[in-house]
């Protein structure tokens, strides 16, 4: 099973012991083999093409190819599991798997805390609802700085320091050279509102097409889990990307988790996610629930 660990911390997880709160333990206890993707540029000097569809998707699929080639005892029955950035990577890999890695037998995808806001969501005729803007500090402040790695992908001449505030520059440098930048975000009180001295709107427009999912017609079933208290990937934006996928004719199952935020929704989603995967691998029919999905009530 190809699995994406949450965010950029994945570059450290290979060297860390599993903990009681780590969802990987739950999958291991069920007997699954897990491939933790090593993303292009992650944890090495220079940064990585963060939230760019093709590098993320290809990294996921290449990791599965490598595992299948190295361990002959593994079954070529693959489910991609991802949260947050990993959900973006997982959905991207699902949509590109047929053309890029047709030998990988992908059965379905589990995506929690799905980035579904602009620029990730493609234009469709599906019903959409308003999405609140990302605001505040903590993870959201970090994400504002990390977005600059994406902007360098289409334009290597882009200089992040030209638009970063003085407080945010150390965060970018810490992220550029390693994984442990969270403490710098907190120490410097970096927020979405104060990360930039000037918004790089031109660079954002250039990078947006690279971040957008392909047309969301998934060849295999997908389950999406959304915490209703998530302020990083808002449940409204997750509803929108699910509606786009349903409109395109995909088989999608969506679940809401009242009171769960960007950090707690993963563990809350495990019963639904694991039941979904068991049905997939048993060859049972997955019907999805597109016809009954309602807009979320945030913070419920």
Protein backbone atom coordinates (compact mmCIF):
# COMPACT_ATOMS: atom_id res chain seq x y z
CA UNK A 1 0.00 0.00 0.00
CA UNK A 2 1.49 3.33 -0.97
CA UNK A 3 1.17 5.75 1.92
CA UNK A 4 1.97 9.44 2.33
CA UNK A 5 2.85 10.67 5.79
CA UNK A 6 1.58 14.12 6.74
CA UNK A 7 3.36 17.11 5.29
CA UNK A 8 7.10 17.68 5.17
CA UNK A 9 7.66 15.79 8.41
CA UNK A 10 7.75 12.68 6.25
CA UNK A 11 11.47 13.27 5.66
CA UNK A 12 12.12 12.48 9.32
CA UNK A 13 9.66 9.68 9.92
CA UNK A 14 11.89 7.01 8.37
CA UNK A 15 14.33 7.49 11.23
CA UNK A 16 11.80 7.80 14.04
CA UNK A 17 10.12 5.11 16.10
CA UNK A 18 6.38 4.70 15.64
CA UNK A 19 4.29 6.26 18.41
CA UNK A 20 0.93 5.31 19.86
CA UNK A 21 -0.76 8.24 18.11
CA UNK A 22 0.73 7.51 14.70
CA UNK A 23 -1.89 6.29 12.22
CA UNK A 24 0.78 4.19 10.49
CA UNK A 25 0.66 1.83 13.46
CA UNK A 26 -3.01 1.19 12.84
CA UNK A 27 -2.40 0.22 9.21
CA UNK A 28 0.55 -1.98 10.17
CA UNK A 29 -1.58 -3.73 12.78
CA UNK A 30 -4.02 -4.64 9.99
CA UNK A 31 -1.20 -6.41 8.13
CA UNK A 32 -0.58 -3.94 5.32
CA UNK A 33 2.85 -3.25 3.85
CA UNK A 34 3.50 0.50 3.76
CA UNK A 35 5.59 2.50 1.33
CA UNK A 36 6.41 5.98 2.69
CA UNK A 37 7.17 8.16 -0.30
CA UNK A 38 10.48 10.01 -0.49
CA UNK A 39 9.45 13.16 -2.34
CA UNK A 40 11.68 14.96 -4.78
CA UNK A 41 13.82 17.45 -2.85
CA UNK A 42 12.20 16.72 0.52
CA UNK A 43 14.62 17.17 3.43
CA UNK A 44 17.57 18.09 1.22
CA UNK A 45 19.08 21.52 0.55
CA UNK A 46 17.17 23.52 -2.03
CA UNK A 47 13.60 22.70 -1.09
CA UNK A 48 11.07 20.64 -3.00
CA UNK A 49 8.39 21.45 -5.60
CA UNK A 50 5.75 21.62 -2.90
CA UNK A 51 2.14 20.97 -3.98
CA UNK A 52 3.07 20.55 -7.65
CA UNK A 53 1.03 17.75 -9.23
CA UNK A 54 3.52 15.84 -11.39
CA UNK A 55 6.55 15.66 -9.05
CA UNK A 56 4.33 14.56 -6.17
CA UNK A 57 2.38 12.03 -8.22
CA UNK A 58 5.46 10.57 -9.86
CA UNK A 59 7.26 10.31 -6.51
CA UNK A 60 4.34 8.32 -5.06
CA UNK A 61 4.12 5.98 -8.03
CA UNK A 62 7.90 5.53 -8.27
CA UNK A 63 8.04 4.59 -4.59
CA UNK A 64 5.47 1.85 -5.19
CA UNK A 65 7.35 0.63 -8.27
CA UNK A 66 10.57 0.46 -6.25
CA UNK A 67 8.96 -1.48 -3.42
CA UNK A 68 7.34 -3.98 -5.77
CA UNK A 69 10.66 -4.48 -7.55
CA UNK A 70 12.66 -4.89 -4.35
CA UNK A 71 10.26 -7.15 -2.43
CA UNK A 72 8.84 -9.92 -4.55
CA UNK A 73 6.58 -11.09 -1.75
CA UNK A 74 4.47 -7.92 -1.97
CA UNK A 75 1.15 -8.16 -3.74
CA UNK A 76 0.61 -5.68 -6.55
CA UNK A 77 -2.67 -4.51 -5.01
CA UNK A 78 -2.11 -0.89 -4.13
CA UNK A 79 -4.13 1.69 -2.24
CA UNK A 80 -2.79 5.22 -1.89
CA UNK A 81 -3.35 6.82 1.52
CA UNK A 82 -2.58 10.48 2.12
CA UNK A 83 -3.42 13.42 4.33
CA UNK A 84 -3.05 17.14 3.72
CA UNK A 85 -0.18 17.56 1.24
CA UNK A 86 -0.26 13.77 1.03
CA UNK A 87 -3.90 13.95 -0.03
CA UNK A 88 -2.92 16.31 -2.84
CA UNK A 89 -0.15 13.90 -3.84
CA UNK A 90 -2.44 10.89 -3.53
CA UNK A 91 -5.23 12.32 -5.66
CA UNK A 92 -2.68 13.53 -8.21
CA UNK A 93 -1.07 10.08 -8.36
CA UNK A 94 -4.48 8.43 -8.73
CA UNK A 95 -5.31 10.63 -11.72
CA UNK A 96 -1.93 10.10 -13.42
CA UNK A 97 -1.32 6.43 -12.55
CA UNK A 98 -2.86 4.98 -15.71
CA UNK A 99 -0.60 6.98 -18.01
CA UNK A 100 2.57 7.08 -15.88
CA UNK A 101 2.60 3.70 -14.12
CA UNK A 102 0.08 1.38 -15.77
CA UNK A 103 1.82 -1.67 -14.29
CA UNK A 104 0.83 -0.58 -10.78
CA UNK A 105 -2.52 -2.13 -9.90
CA UNK A 106 -4.11 0.77 -8.09
CA UNK A 107 -7.35 -0.24 -6.38
CA UNK A 108 -8.36 3.08 -4.81
CA UNK A 109 -7.34 6.11 -2.79
CA UNK A 110 -7.88 7.39 0.75
CA UNK A 111 -7.53 11.17 1.11
CA UNK A 112 -7.96 13.11 4.37
CA UNK A 113 -7.76 16.90 4.75
CA UNK A 114 -7.85 17.32 0.97
CA UNK A 115 -6.57 20.63 -0.45
CA UNK A 116 -9.56 21.55 -2.59
CA UNK A 117 -9.39 25.32 -2.78
CA UNK A 118 -7.92 27.47 -5.53
CA UNK A 119 -5.59 26.78 -7.27
CA UNK A 120 -5.93 23.02 -6.74
CA UNK A 121 -9.54 22.49 -7.83
CA UNK A 122 -10.08 22.32 -11.60
CA UNK A 123 -12.98 24.14 -13.20
CA UNK A 124 -16.07 21.96 -13.64
CA UNK A 125 -19.79 22.52 -13.81
CA UNK A 126 -20.25 21.06 -10.33
CA UNK A 127 -22.09 22.99 -7.59
CA UNK A 128 -19.61 24.89 -5.42
CA UNK A 129 -19.85 26.81 -2.15
CA UNK A 130 -17.84 29.72 -0.75
CA UNK A 131 -14.53 28.85 0.93
CA UNK A 132 -13.21 30.92 3.86
CA UNK A 133 -9.69 32.29 3.36
CA UNK A 134 -6.76 30.66 5.14
CA UNK A 135 -5.67 32.90 8.00
CA UNK A 136 -3.64 32.95 11.20
CA UNK A 137 -0.39 31.41 12.35
CA UNK A 138 0.92 27.98 13.27
CA UNK A 139 0.52 25.55 10.39
CA UNK A 140 -1.15 28.19 8.26
CA UNK A 141 1.76 30.58 8.69
CA UNK A 142 4.16 27.79 7.75
CA UNK A 143 2.13 26.96 4.65
CA UNK A 144 2.30 30.56 3.48
CA UNK A 145 6.10 30.38 3.53
CA UNK A 146 6.25 26.88 2.02
CA UNK A 147 4.21 28.07 -0.94
CA UNK A 148 7.30 29.92 -2.16
CA UNK A 149 8.99 26.63 -3.03
CA UNK A 150 6.15 26.03 -5.48
CA UNK A 151 6.66 29.43 -7.07
CA UNK A 152 10.25 28.58 -7.95
CA UNK A 153 9.19 25.52 -9.93
CA UNK A 154 8.09 27.37 -13.10
CA UNK A 155 10.48 30.30 -12.55
CA UNK A 156 13.92 29.53 -11.00
CA UNK A 157 14.72 33.23 -11.20
CA UNK A 158 12.05 33.98 -8.58
CA UNK A 159 13.73 35.25 -5.39
CA UNK A 160 11.60 34.48 -2.30
CA UNK A 161 13.47 36.92 -0.06
CA UNK A 162 12.21 39.76 -2.21
CA UNK A 163 8.66 39.27 -0.96
CA UNK A 164 9.16 37.72 2.51
CA UNK A 165 8.90 39.73 5.69
CA UNK A 166 11.94 39.82 7.97
CA UNK A 167 10.22 37.51 10.46
CA UNK A 168 9.40 34.95 7.75
CA UNK A 169 12.86 34.82 6.12
CA UNK A 170 14.34 32.50 8.82
CA UNK A 171 11.39 30.14 8.34
CA UNK A 172 12.08 29.88 4.62
CA UNK A 173 15.78 29.27 5.24
CA UNK A 174 15.06 26.56 7.81
CA UNK A 175 12.65 24.86 5.39
CA UNK A 176 15.11 25.19 2.51
CA UNK A 177 17.88 23.37 4.38
CA UNK A 178 15.94 20.77 6.37
CA UNK A 179 12.66 19.70 7.96
CA UNK A 180 12.57 21.31 11.40
CA UNK A 181 11.14 24.75 10.72
CA UNK A 182 8.03 24.63 12.93
CA UNK A 183 9.75 26.11 15.99
CA UNK A 184 10.95 29.06 13.89
CA UNK A 185 7.36 29.76 12.79
CA UNK A 186 6.24 29.87 16.42
CA UNK A 187 9.24 31.82 17.70
CA UNK A 188 8.88 34.51 15.03
CA UNK A 189 5.07 34.63 15.26
CA UNK A 190 4.71 34.12 11.52
CA UNK A 191 1.14 34.23 10.21
CA UNK A 192 -0.54 34.26 6.83
CA UNK A 193 -1.10 37.98 7.32
CA UNK A 194 2.52 38.94 8.11
CA UNK A 195 4.55 36.41 6.09
CA UNK A 196 4.91 38.69 3.07
CA UNK A 197 5.94 42.28 2.69
CA UNK A 198 4.64 42.04 -0.87
CA UNK A 199 2.38 39.35 -2.35
CA UNK A 200 4.06 37.55 -5.29
CA UNK A 201 0.92 37.60 -7.42
CA UNK A 202 2.70 37.23 -10.77
CA UNK A 203 4.62 34.16 -9.59
CA UNK A 204 1.45 32.70 -8.05
CA UNK A 205 -0.34 32.95 -11.39
CA UNK A 206 2.54 31.19 -13.19
CA UNK A 207 2.59 28.30 -10.71
CA UNK A 208 -1.17 27.75 -10.42
CA UNK A 209 -1.54 25.45 -13.47
CA UNK A 210 1.15 23.15 -12.05
CA UNK A 211 -0.77 22.73 -8.80
CA UNK A 212 -4.19 22.04 -10.27
CA UNK A 213 -5.46 18.47 -10.28
CA UNK A 214 -6.15 16.98 -13.71
CA UNK A 215 -9.83 16.61 -14.58
CA UNK A 216 -11.17 14.75 -11.50
CA UNK A 217 -12.49 11.60 -13.16
CA UNK A 218 -10.93 8.95 -10.93
CA UNK A 219 -10.54 5.49 -12.49
CA UNK A 220 -10.79 3.89 -9.06
CA UNK A 221 -12.93 4.61 -5.96
CA UNK A 222 -11.88 7.39 -3.61
CA UNK A 223 -12.79 8.07 0.03
CA UNK A 224 -12.40 11.58 1.44
CA UNK A 225 -12.40 12.48 5.14
CA UNK A 226 -12.89 16.08 6.29
CA UNK A 227 -12.66 17.48 9.81
CA UNK A 228 -15.38 20.07 10.34
CA UNK A 229 -13.06 22.15 12.55
CA UNK A 230 -10.25 22.18 9.99
CA UNK A 231 -9.07 25.75 9.29
CA UNK A 232 -6.15 24.74 7.04
CA UNK A 233 -7.98 22.74 4.39
CA UNK A 234 -11.47 24.04 5.02
CA UNK A 235 -14.32 21.49 4.85
CA UNK A 236 -16.00 23.76 2.29
CA UNK A 237 -13.07 23.37 -0.09
CA UNK A 238 -13.04 19.62 0.44
CA UNK A 239 -16.75 19.49 -0.33
CA UNK A 240 -16.07 21.41 -3.55
CA UNK A 241 -13.39 19.02 -4.85
CA UNK A 242 -15.60 16.03 -3.97
CA UNK A 243 -18.50 17.60 -5.84
CA UNK A 244 -16.24 18.19 -8.84
CA UNK A 245 -15.20 14.52 -8.78
CA UNK A 246 -18.80 13.35 -8.43
CA UNK A 247 -19.87 15.61 -11.30
CA UNK A 248 -17.14 14.04 -13.47
CA UNK A 249 -18.58 10.58 -12.78
CA UNK A 250 -16.14 9.37 -10.13
CA UNK A 251 -17.05 6.94 -7.37
CA UNK A 252 -16.48 8.95 -4.19
CA UNK A 253 -17.32 8.27 -0.57
CA UNK A 254 -17.13 11.29 1.77
CA UNK A 255 -17.22 11.47 5.55
CA UNK A 256 -17.31 14.46 7.91
CA UNK A 257 -15.78 14.42 11.40
CA UNK A 258 -17.42 16.94 13.76
CA UNK A 259 -15.00 18.79 16.03
CA UNK A 260 -11.91 17.38 14.31
CA UNK A 261 -9.23 19.69 12.97
CA UNK A 262 -6.30 19.33 10.58
CA UNK A 263 -4.35 17.29 13.15
CA UNK A 264 -7.07 15.11 14.64
CA UNK A 265 -9.10 14.18 11.57
CA UNK A 266 -6.66 11.46 10.46
CA UNK A 267 -7.19 9.23 13.49
CA UNK A 268 -10.92 9.97 13.42
CA UNK A 269 -11.10 8.83 9.80
CA UNK A 270 -9.38 5.46 10.35
CA UNK A 271 -12.51 3.32 10.89
CA UNK A 272 -14.05 4.57 7.65
CA UNK A 273 -10.77 4.47 5.74
CA UNK A 274 -9.89 0.95 6.80
CA UNK A 275 -13.38 -0.37 6.11
CA UNK A 276 -13.13 1.17 2.63
CA UNK A 277 -9.74 -0.44 1.96
CA UNK A 278 -10.90 -3.85 3.17
CA UNK A 279 -13.84 -3.74 0.78
CA UNK A 280 -11.58 -2.67 -2.08
CA UNK A 281 -9.06 -5.46 -1.57
CA UNK A 282 -11.82 -8.02 -1.09
CA UNK A 283 -13.21 -7.07 -4.49
CA UNK A 284 -16.47 -5.79 -3.03
CA UNK A 285 -18.48 -3.15 -4.82
CA UNK A 286 -17.97 0.47 -3.76
CA UNK A 287 -20.99 2.62 -4.62
CA UNK A 288 -19.91 5.93 -3.10
CA UNK A 289 -22.32 8.43 -1.57
CA UNK A 290 -22.28 11.33 -4.06
CA UNK A 291 -26.06 11.55 -4.15
CA UNK A 292 -26.41 12.26 -0.43
CA UNK A 293 -23.39 14.45 0.37
CA UNK A 294 -24.47 17.76 1.91
CA UNK A 295 -22.45 20.96 2.34
CA UNK A 296 -20.56 20.94 5.65
CA UNK A 297 -21.46 22.85 8.77
CA UNK A 298 -17.98 24.11 9.79
CA UNK A 299 -16.86 23.88 13.39
CA UNK A 300 -19.69 21.51 14.27
